[in-house]
Amino acid sequence: MKRIKAACICQTLHFMLKEGVEHSEAVALVKHEVEHYREGLERNRIRYRILEQQEQADGSVIIKVIKQYNSAPMGEYWKDI
């Protein structure tokens, strides 16, 4: 029998601008979407850490995040960050 001792997910997410919308409004929507993503993680009590957040020249945002996988403990993965 095997058990998961530690697990996490590393993701790079690109929050892209919505097409067909004025640029300044699209940038505001992206910032709102990033904040909504963070709030969702906190609301669902998912342990996470944003490793990097970069705003691109066009206003889109790329974030690198490490987060808890299901309810598995993060163990050493959390300490190494």
C-alpha atoms as a PDB file:
ATOM      1  CA  MET A   1       0.000   0.000   0.000  1.00  0.00           C
ATOM      2  CA  LYS A   2       1.196   3.530  -0.682  1.00  0.00           C
ATOM      3  CA  ARG A   3       0.267   6.915   0.730  1.00  0.00           C
ATOM      4  CA  ILE A   4       1.020  10.397  -0.430  1.00  0.00           C
ATOM      5  CA  LYS A   5       3.477  11.965   2.008  1.00  0.00           C
ATOM      6  CA  ALA A   6       3.610  15.376   0.323  1.00  0.00           C
ATOM      7  CA  ALA A   7       2.230  16.909  -2.856  1.00  0.00           C
ATOM      8  CA  CYS A   8       1.847  20.258  -4.535  1.00  0.00           C
ATOM      9  CA  ILE A   9       1.152  21.759  -7.938  1.00  0.00           C
ATOM     10  CA  CYS A  10       3.433  24.287  -9.614  1.00  0.00           C
ATOM     11  CA  GLN A  11       1.632  26.372 -12.214  1.00  0.00           C
ATOM     12  CA  THR A  12       2.410  29.238 -14.529  1.00  0.00           C
ATOM     13  CA  LEU A  13      -0.803  31.088 -15.324  1.00  0.00           C
ATOM     14  CA  HIS A  14      -1.193  33.740 -18.026  1.00  0.00           C
ATOM     15  CA  PHE A  15      -4.109  36.080 -17.419  1.00  0.00           C
ATOM     16  CA  MET A  16      -4.639  37.425 -20.923  1.00  0.00           C
ATOM     17  CA  LEU A  17      -6.442  40.547 -22.079  1.00  0.00           C
ATOM     18  CA  LYS A  18     -10.020  40.151 -23.237  1.00  0.00           C
ATOM     19  CA  GLU A  19     -10.453  40.878 -26.925  1.00  0.00           C
ATOM     20  CA  GLY A  20     -13.010  43.374 -28.158  1.00  0.00           C
ATOM     21  CA  VAL A  21     -12.661  45.596 -25.087  1.00  0.00           C
ATOM     22  CA  GLU A  22     -10.871  48.934 -24.755  1.00  0.00           C
ATOM     23  CA  HIS A  23      -7.266  48.379 -23.623  1.00  0.00           C
ATOM     24  CA  SER A  24      -7.519  50.204 -20.287  1.00  0.00           C
ATOM     25  CA  GLU A  25     -10.697  48.304 -19.418  1.00  0.00           C
ATOM     26  CA  ALA A  26      -9.095  44.992 -20.438  1.00  0.00           C
ATOM     27  CA  VAL A  27      -6.111  45.690 -18.156  1.00  0.00           C
ATOM     28  CA  ALA A  28      -8.465  46.459 -15.257  1.00  0.00           C
ATOM     29  CA  LEU A  29     -10.360  43.213 -15.937  1.00  0.00           C
ATOM     30  CA  VAL A  30      -7.098  41.235 -15.843  1.00  0.00           C
ATOM     31  CA  LYS A  31      -6.137  42.758 -12.490  1.00  0.00           C
ATOM     32  CA  HIS A  32      -9.600  41.930 -11.158  1.00  0.00           C
ATOM     33  CA  GLU A  33      -9.294  38.348 -12.450  1.00  0.00           C
ATOM     34  CA  VAL A  34      -5.923  37.883 -10.710  1.00  0.00           C
ATOM     35  CA  GLU A  35      -7.387  39.174  -7.449  1.00  0.00           C
ATOM     36  CA  HIS A  36     -10.445  36.926  -7.875  1.00  0.00           C
ATOM     37  CA  TYR A  37      -8.122  33.926  -8.386  1.00  0.00           C
ATOM     38  CA  ARG A  38      -6.294  34.716  -5.132  1.00  0.00           C
ATOM     39  CA  GLU A  39      -9.551  35.195  -3.245  1.00  0.00           C
ATOM     40  CA  GLY A  40     -10.781  31.836  -4.544  1.00  0.00           C
ATOM     41  CA  LEU A  41      -7.681  30.074  -3.236  1.00  0.00           C
ATOM     42  CA  GLU A  42      -8.115  31.703   0.168  1.00  0.00           C
ATOM     43  CA  ARG A  43     -11.866  31.066   0.264  1.00  0.00           C
ATOM     44  CA  ASN A  44     -11.266  27.363  -0.420  1.00  0.00           C
ATOM     45  CA  ARG A  45      -8.469  27.307   2.179  1.00  0.00           C
ATOM     46  CA  ILE A  46      -5.868  26.153  -0.336  1.00  0.00           C
ATOM     47  CA  ARG A  47      -2.330  26.819   0.829  1.00  0.00           C
ATOM     48  CA  TYR A  48      -0.478  28.678  -1.883  1.00  0.00           C
ATOM     49  CA  ARG A  49       2.443  30.948  -2.511  1.00  0.00           C
ATOM     50  CA  ILE A  50       2.895  33.241  -5.491  1.00  0.00           C
ATOM     51  CA  LEU A  51       6.518  32.803  -6.508  1.00  0.00           C
ATOM     52  CA  GLU A  52       6.519  35.455  -9.213  1.00  0.00           C
ATOM     53  CA  GLN A  53       4.091  37.918 -10.746  1.00  0.00           C
ATOM     54  CA  GLN A  54       5.002  39.768 -13.933  1.00  0.00           C
ATOM     55  CA  GLU A  55       2.960  42.358 -15.736  1.00  0.00           C
ATOM     56  CA  GLN A  56       3.620  42.088 -19.457  1.00  0.00           C
ATOM     57  CA  ALA A  57       4.054  45.021 -21.843  1.00  0.00           C
ATOM     58  CA  ASP A  58       0.514  44.523 -23.174  1.00  0.00           C
ATOM     59  CA  GLY A  59      -0.976  44.636 -19.653  1.00  0.00           C
ATOM     60  CA  SER A  60      -1.564  40.896 -19.254  1.00  0.00           C
ATOM     61  CA  VAL A  61      -0.211  39.191 -16.121  1.00  0.00           C
ATOM     62  CA  ILE A  62       1.821  35.997 -15.705  1.00  0.00           C
ATOM     63  CA  ILE A  63       2.027  34.422 -12.257  1.00  0.00           C
ATOM     64  CA  LYS A  64       3.980  31.428 -11.048  1.00  0.00           C
ATOM     65  CA  VAL A  65       2.271  29.766  -8.117  1.00  0.00           C
ATOM     66  CA  ILE A  66       2.832  26.698  -5.980  1.00  0.00           C
ATOM     67  CA  LYS A  67      -0.303  25.411  -4.305  1.00  0.00           C
ATOM     68  CA  GLN A  68      -1.606  22.553  -2.252  1.00  0.00           C
ATOM     69  CA  TYR A  69      -2.812  19.495  -4.164  1.00  0.00           C
ATOM     70  CA  ASN A  70      -6.234  18.405  -2.895  1.00  0.00           C
ATOM     71  CA  SER A  71      -5.820  18.125   0.875  1.00  0.00           C
ATOM     72  CA  ALA A  72      -2.399  16.450   0.765  1.00  0.00           C
ATOM     73  CA  PRO A  73       0.274  17.928   3.036  1.00  0.00           C
ATOM     74  CA  MET A  74       2.892  20.064   1.280  1.00  0.00           C
ATOM     75  CA  GLY A  75       5.741  18.821   3.478  1.00  0.00           C
ATOM     76  CA  GLU A  76       9.213  19.738   2.268  1.00  0.00           C
ATOM     77  CA  TYR A  77       7.884  21.530  -0.809  1.00  0.00           C
ATOM     78  CA  TRP A  78       6.565  24.339   1.394  1.00  0.00           C
ATOM     79  CA  LYS A  79       9.842  24.673   3.331  1.00  0.00           C
ATOM     80  CA  ASP A  80      11.995  24.880   0.197  1.00  0.00           C
ATOM     81  CA  ILE A  81      10.329  28.037  -1.058  1.00  0.00           C
END
